[in-house]
Protein backbone atom coordinates (compact mmCIF):
# COMPACT_ATOMS: atom_id res chain seq x y z
CA MET A 1 0.00 0.00 0.00
CA ALA A 2 1.42 3.40 -0.96
CA VAL A 3 0.73 6.50 1.13
CA ILE A 4 0.53 9.82 -0.68
CA ARG A 5 0.67 12.94 1.48
CA ILE A 6 -1.05 15.97 -0.01
CA THR A 7 -1.13 19.43 1.50
CA SER A 8 -3.62 21.98 0.34
CA SER A 9 -3.75 25.62 1.20
CA THR A 10 -6.87 27.42 2.34
CA ARG A 11 -5.92 30.00 -0.30
CA GLY A 12 -6.36 27.39 -3.04
CA GLY A 13 -3.98 25.18 -4.94
CA VAL A 14 -1.77 22.37 -3.84
CA GLY A 15 1.04 23.13 -1.45
CA HIS A 16 4.34 21.49 -0.71
CA SER A 17 4.70 18.31 1.33
CA ALA A 18 5.92 20.15 4.42
CA THR A 19 3.10 21.71 6.45
CA LYS A 20 3.71 24.58 8.85
CA SER A 21 1.32 25.44 11.63
CA GLY A 22 -0.36 28.80 11.28
CA ASP A 23 0.22 29.16 7.52
CA GLY A 24 -3.35 28.23 6.60
CA GLU A 25 -2.37 24.95 5.05
CA ARG A 26 -3.78 21.56 6.00
CA ALA A 27 -2.43 18.11 5.28
CA ARG A 28 -4.31 14.95 4.53
CA GLU A 29 -3.21 11.44 3.76
CA ILE A 30 -4.72 9.31 1.03
CA HIS A 31 -3.86 5.63 1.32
CA MET A 32 -3.79 3.92 -2.06
CA GLU A 33 -4.81 0.26 -1.82
CA SER A 34 -5.08 -2.19 -4.66
CA GLY A 35 -8.65 -3.18 -5.36
CA GLU A 36 -10.02 -5.63 -7.90
CA ASN A 37 -8.04 -5.87 -11.15
CA GLY A 38 -5.25 -3.80 -9.61
CA VAL A 39 -7.31 -0.59 -9.46
CA GLN A 40 -6.00 1.85 -6.86
CA VAL A 41 -8.61 2.66 -4.23
CA ARG A 42 -8.42 5.77 -2.08
CA ARG A 43 -8.55 5.21 1.66
CA ARG A 44 -8.40 8.30 3.83
CA GLY A 45 -6.28 8.36 6.96
CA GLY A 46 -9.39 8.92 9.10
CA VAL A 47 -10.80 5.53 8.11
CA GLN A 48 -7.50 3.89 9.00
CA SER A 49 -7.63 5.55 12.43
CA ILE A 50 -11.06 4.03 13.04
CA ASP A 51 -9.77 0.60 12.04
CA ARG A 52 -6.86 0.99 14.45
CA ALA A 53 -9.07 2.20 17.30
CA VAL A 54 -11.34 -0.82 16.85
CA ALA A 55 -8.28 -3.09 16.87
CA ILE A 56 -7.33 -1.61 20.24
CA LEU A 57 -10.83 -2.13 21.65
CA ARG A 58 -10.76 -5.78 20.55
CA CYS A 59 -7.72 -6.41 22.75
CA PHE A 60 -9.78 -6.08 25.95
CA ASP A 61 -11.81 -8.97 27.32
CA GLY A 62 -12.69 -10.66 30.60
CA ARG A 63 -9.20 -12.10 30.94
CA LYS A 64 -7.48 -8.85 29.97
CA PRO A 65 -9.62 -5.98 31.34
CA GLU A 66 -6.59 -3.69 31.70
CA LEU A 67 -3.65 -3.34 29.32
CA GLY A 68 -0.62 -1.13 28.96
CA ILE A 69 0.57 0.66 25.86
CA SER A 70 3.31 -1.88 25.12
CA GLN A 71 0.84 -4.78 25.42
CA LEU A 72 -1.60 -3.05 23.07
CA ALA A 73 1.18 -2.33 20.59
CA ARG A 74 2.21 -6.00 20.54
CA SER A 75 -1.37 -7.21 20.19
CA THR A 76 -2.26 -4.83 17.35
CA GLY A 77 1.10 -4.63 15.57
CA LEU A 78 1.05 -0.84 15.87
CA SER A 79 3.91 1.28 17.13
CA THR A 80 3.79 2.46 20.74
CA SER A 81 3.64 6.09 19.57
CA THR A 82 0.61 5.35 17.39
CA VAL A 83 -1.11 3.49 20.22
CA HIS A 84 -0.38 6.37 22.62
CA ARG A 85 -1.83 8.91 20.19
CA LEU A 86 -4.96 6.84 19.56
CA LEU A 87 -5.52 6.19 23.26
CA GLY A 88 -5.47 9.93 23.90
CA ALA A 89 -8.26 10.52 21.40
CA MET A 90 -10.20 7.47 22.60
CA GLN A 91 -9.91 8.59 26.22
CA ALA A 92 -11.20 12.06 25.31
CA ASN A 93 -14.27 10.34 23.82
CA HIS A 94 -14.68 7.99 26.82
CA LEU A 95 -14.01 4.88 24.75
CA VAL A 96 -11.17 3.95 27.10
CA ARG A 97 -10.21 5.08 30.59
CA GLN A 98 -6.87 5.21 32.38
CA THR A 99 -6.87 2.83 35.33
CA GLY A 100 -3.52 3.66 36.94
CA ASN A 101 0.04 2.46 36.47
CA LYS A 102 -0.20 3.67 32.87
CA ARG A 103 -2.78 1.00 32.02
CA TYR A 104 -6.08 1.35 30.21
CA GLY A 105 -9.51 -0.28 30.29
CA LEU A 106 -12.76 0.08 28.36
CA GLY A 107 -14.45 3.42 28.85
CA PRO A 108 -17.86 4.43 30.21
CA PHE A 109 -19.30 5.39 26.82
CA LEU A 110 -19.33 1.73 25.77
CA LEU A 111 -21.36 0.88 28.88
CA GLN A 112 -23.75 3.74 28.10
CA LEU A 113 -24.30 2.34 24.62
CA ALA A 114 -24.85 -1.17 25.95
CA ASN A 115 -27.45 0.08 28.44
CA SER A 116 -29.19 2.46 26.04
CA GLY A 117 -31.60 -0.14 24.68
CA ALA A 118 -30.18 0.29 21.18
CA MET A 119 -28.42 -3.07 21.38
CA PRO A 120 -30.13 -6.42 21.96
CA ARG A 121 -29.44 -7.92 25.39
CA THR A 122 -30.25 -11.56 24.68
CA PHE A 123 -29.75 -14.13 21.94
CA ARG A 124 -33.52 -14.30 21.43
CA GLU A 125 -33.91 -10.52 21.23
CA ALA A 126 -31.14 -10.25 18.65
CA ALA A 127 -32.48 -13.14 16.57
CA LEU A 128 -36.19 -12.30 16.33
CA PRO A 129 -35.92 -9.71 13.49
CA PHE A 130 -33.83 -12.15 11.42
CA MET A 131 -36.28 -14.97 12.15
CA THR A 132 -39.23 -12.84 11.11
CA ASP A 133 -37.54 -11.91 7.83
CA LEU A 134 -36.91 -15.59 7.05
CA ARG A 135 -40.50 -16.51 7.91
CA ASP A 136 -41.82 -13.76 5.66
CA GLU A 137 -39.51 -14.83 2.83
CA PHE A 138 -40.42 -18.54 2.86
CA ASP A 139 -43.63 -18.59 4.94
CA GLU A 140 -42.32 -21.51 6.97
CA THR A 141 -41.84 -21.77 10.72
CA ILE A 142 -38.42 -20.51 11.83
CA GLY A 143 -36.91 -21.76 15.07
CA LEU A 144 -34.12 -20.45 17.28
CA HIS A 145 -32.12 -23.18 19.00
CA GLU A 146 -29.80 -22.49 21.93
CA PHE A 147 -26.79 -24.69 22.69
CA LEU A 148 -26.51 -26.05 26.22
CA ARG A 149 -23.07 -27.24 27.31
CA THR A 150 -24.64 -30.45 28.61
CA GLY A 151 -24.72 -31.80 25.06
CA HIS A 152 -28.27 -30.62 24.45
CA ARG A 153 -30.10 -27.80 22.74
CA ILE A 154 -33.40 -26.14 23.45
CA VAL A 155 -35.90 -24.43 21.17
CA ALA A 156 -35.61 -20.89 22.52
CA ALA A 157 -38.14 -19.18 20.23
CA GLN A 158 -40.17 -19.62 17.07
CA VAL A 159 -41.82 -17.46 14.43
CA GLU A 160 -44.64 -19.52 12.97
CA SER A 161 -45.65 -19.91 9.36
CA HIS A 162 -48.98 -18.39 8.28
CA GLN A 163 -49.93 -21.56 6.41
CA GLU A 164 -52.62 -23.85 7.73
CA LEU A 165 -50.33 -26.87 7.48
CA ARG A 166 -47.26 -25.81 9.44
CA ARG A 167 -44.81 -26.86 12.11
CA THR A 168 -45.50 -25.49 15.58
CA TYR A 169 -42.96 -26.22 18.29
CA THR A 170 -44.65 -27.44 21.46
CA ASP A 171 -41.44 -28.33 23.34
CA ILE A 172 -39.90 -24.88 23.78
CA GLY A 173 -37.31 -24.98 26.55
CA VAL A 174 -37.11 -28.78 26.68
CA PRO A 175 -33.53 -30.17 26.35
CA ILE A 176 -32.96 -32.14 23.12
CA LYS A 177 -29.88 -34.24 22.36
CA LEU A 178 -27.65 -32.57 19.78
CA ALA A 179 -27.63 -35.64 17.54
CA HIS A 180 -31.41 -35.50 17.19
CA GLY A 181 -32.41 -33.34 14.23
CA GLY A 182 -30.94 -30.74 11.92
CA PRO A 183 -30.45 -27.82 14.35
CA GLY A 184 -28.39 -29.95 16.74
CA LYS A 185 -26.23 -31.18 13.91
CA ALA A 186 -25.74 -27.60 12.70
CA ILE A 187 -24.40 -26.81 16.18
CA MET A 188 -22.14 -29.89 16.23
CA SER A 189 -20.76 -29.07 12.76
CA ALA A 190 -19.54 -25.72 14.10
CA MET A 191 -17.61 -27.11 17.06
CA PRO A 192 -13.85 -27.59 17.27
CA ALA A 193 -12.94 -31.18 16.39
CA ASP A 194 -12.18 -32.33 19.94
CA GLU A 195 -15.44 -30.99 21.35
CA CYS A 196 -17.45 -32.51 18.51
CA ALA A 197 -15.75 -35.88 19.02
CA ARG A 198 -16.75 -35.85 22.66
CA TYR A 199 -20.44 -35.52 21.81
CA LEU A 200 -20.15 -38.05 19.00
CA SER A 201 -18.88 -40.62 21.49
CA GLU A 202 -22.15 -40.49 23.43
CA PRO A 203 -24.79 -43.11 22.57
CA VAL A 204 -27.76 -41.94 20.48
CA GLU A 205 -31.23 -43.35 21.02
CA PRO A 206 -33.43 -43.47 17.89
CA ILE A 207 -36.57 -41.32 18.02
CA THR A 208 -37.90 -42.21 14.56
CA VAL A 209 -36.94 -44.83 11.98
CA ASN A 210 -34.89 -42.10 10.25
CA THR A 211 -32.77 -41.18 13.29
CA PRO A 212 -29.11 -42.01 12.59
CA VAL A 213 -27.39 -43.61 15.57
CA ASP A 214 -24.08 -44.77 14.08
CA PRO A 215 -21.28 -42.24 14.86
CA ALA A 216 -19.72 -42.72 11.40
CA THR A 217 -23.04 -41.86 9.72
CA ILE A 218 -23.49 -38.79 11.89
CA GLU A 219 -19.92 -37.68 11.20
CA ARG A 220 -20.57 -37.89 7.44
CA GLU A 221 -23.62 -35.67 7.90
CA LEU A 222 -21.55 -33.19 9.93
CA LYS A 223 -18.84 -33.08 7.27
CA ARG A 224 -21.42 -32.29 4.62
CA ALA A 225 -22.94 -29.64 6.87
CA ARG A 226 -19.54 -27.95 7.30
CA THR A 227 -19.01 -27.92 3.54
CA ARG A 228 -22.41 -26.35 2.82
CA GLY A 229 -22.80 -24.26 5.95
CA TYR A 230 -26.14 -25.80 6.87
CA SER A 231 -27.51 -29.17 7.99
CA GLU A 232 -30.62 -31.09 6.99
CA SER A 233 -32.89 -33.53 8.76
CA LYS A 234 -35.62 -35.49 6.99
CA GLY A 235 -37.90 -36.82 9.69
CA GLN A 236 -34.98 -37.64 11.99
CA ARG A 237 -36.66 -36.16 15.08
CA THR A 238 -40.24 -35.53 13.98
CA VAL A 239 -41.93 -37.66 11.34
CA GLY A 240 -43.00 -35.66 8.28
CA ILE A 241 -40.80 -32.64 9.06
CA TYR A 242 -37.86 -31.46 6.97
CA ALA A 243 -35.49 -29.26 9.00
CA ILE A 244 -32.72 -27.03 7.67
CA ALA A 245 -30.47 -25.10 10.07
CA SER A 246 -27.22 -23.12 10.25
CA PRO A 247 -25.03 -22.39 13.26
CA VAL A 248 -24.88 -19.03 15.04
CA PHE A 249 -21.83 -17.57 16.81
CA ASP A 250 -21.21 -14.66 19.15
CA HIS A 251 -18.28 -12.46 20.21
CA THR A 252 -16.49 -15.46 21.75
CA GLN A 253 -16.29 -16.87 18.18
CA LYS A 254 -17.86 -20.08 19.49
CA VAL A 255 -21.14 -21.59 18.37
CA ILE A 256 -24.03 -20.65 20.67
CA GLY A 257 -26.94 -22.14 18.78
CA ALA A 258 -28.64 -22.39 15.41
CA ILE A 259 -31.38 -20.80 13.37
CA GLY A 260 -33.44 -22.94 11.05
CA ALA A 261 -36.64 -23.69 9.18
CA SER A 262 -38.99 -26.53 10.04
CA VAL A 263 -41.08 -27.50 7.01
CA PRO A 264 -43.72 -30.15 6.27
CA GLN A 265 -41.98 -32.59 3.92
CA VAL A 266 -44.83 -32.39 1.42
CA ARG A 267 -43.74 -28.80 0.63
CA MET A 268 -40.06 -29.59 0.24
CA ASN A 269 -37.98 -30.71 -2.72
CA ALA A 270 -34.25 -30.67 -3.45
CA GLU A 271 -34.31 -27.31 -5.25
CA ARG A 272 -36.22 -25.56 -2.48
CA ALA A 273 -34.08 -27.18 0.19
CA GLU A 274 -30.91 -25.83 -1.43
CA ALA A 275 -32.38 -22.34 -1.81
CA MET A 276 -33.55 -22.27 1.79
CA GLY A 277 -30.28 -23.69 3.08
CA THR A 278 -28.26 -21.04 1.27
CA ARG A 279 -30.46 -18.24 2.57
CA ILE A 280 -30.53 -19.56 6.14
CA ARG A 281 -26.72 -19.77 6.09
CA GLU A 282 -26.54 -16.14 4.99
CA VAL A 283 -28.98 -14.94 7.64
CA ALA A 284 -27.33 -17.02 10.37
CA TRP A 285 -24.04 -15.29 9.62
CA GLN A 286 -25.70 -11.86 9.60
CA LEU A 287 -27.03 -12.65 13.07
CA SER A 288 -23.60 -13.91 14.12
CA THR A 289 -21.87 -10.70 13.04
CA ALA A 290 -24.50 -8.70 14.92
CA LEU A 291 -23.48 -10.71 17.99
CA GLY A 292 -19.79 -9.98 17.46
CA ALA A 293 -18.50 -12.95 15.45
CA THR A 294 -15.79 -12.48 12.83
CA PRO A 295 -14.71 -14.77 9.97
CA ASP A 296 -11.14 -15.01 11.24
CA GLY A 297 -12.29 -15.76 14.77
CA VAL A 298 -14.67 -18.53 13.75
CA HIS A 299 -12.28 -20.10 11.27
CA ALA A 300 -9.53 -20.16 13.88
CA LEU A 301 -11.70 -22.70 15.73
CA VAL A 302 -13.43 -24.43 12.79
CA PRO A 303 -11.30 -23.89 9.67
CA ASP A 304 -13.41 -25.93 7.23
CA LEU A 305 -16.80 -24.43 8.06
CA ARG A 306 -18.58 -22.45 5.35
CA ILE A 307 -20.12 -19.22 6.62
CA GLY A 308 -22.04 -16.35 5.08
């Protein structure tokens, strides 16, 4: 990336590269980045500053609530002088605060935003607009499934189809084994390999004649789900129901559940299943990014999972 420094005078025209205070001139940087087909794209220095400030904010978490300038510089790859300059501006805007011993923590403005009501507080609250959009698009019941670390999931919410023949969940809040049905397999497909293997080692009791119980068969289904970014279940938990689901992640970059459609099999064919699966995968990732997930973060845990 090349950086071109341009100075312009308030009197008009383009000035020299050296800028003197009080002479009416102002300097601005335009960062030239290669876009598609080698086209040079302008990127102003202000945008880069925002990117860098966000990189600093991402360094803080529950394990590292306070950090010094040197630690932030190492974590972000920025120079200590750049980090110091950015922290000054961020502190003035209450994005960070100085905690003593030349260390910094997240600032009060972030807490104000979190408590303002502008941001969803729960998984269900964040998901409902996305679920409603999917229901309106396909007119099929959309379910939200929350992952429990006991090796189960629960149906946390549903937005029902308007059609007379439709799926209505009657077991909201009831723990369901992950291996039973499409949403659970979507969750398993998004786990790190060692965690997934642990759940695969548990015995599976058949619920219907279509319930797979052999670990090798389930693993093949999970591999296909990772490749496509969504899982399918044809009557594996409920006879006559075709389920399609994709995993959902949050700021921890770990899977926290799934969003999916539950459709009477008489209304489903291969073409519609593929179209719905693709769309559900896209919406699941939109929800995930709203909850703080990033492609790099998710792929660091599950490299072969298709997202978005």
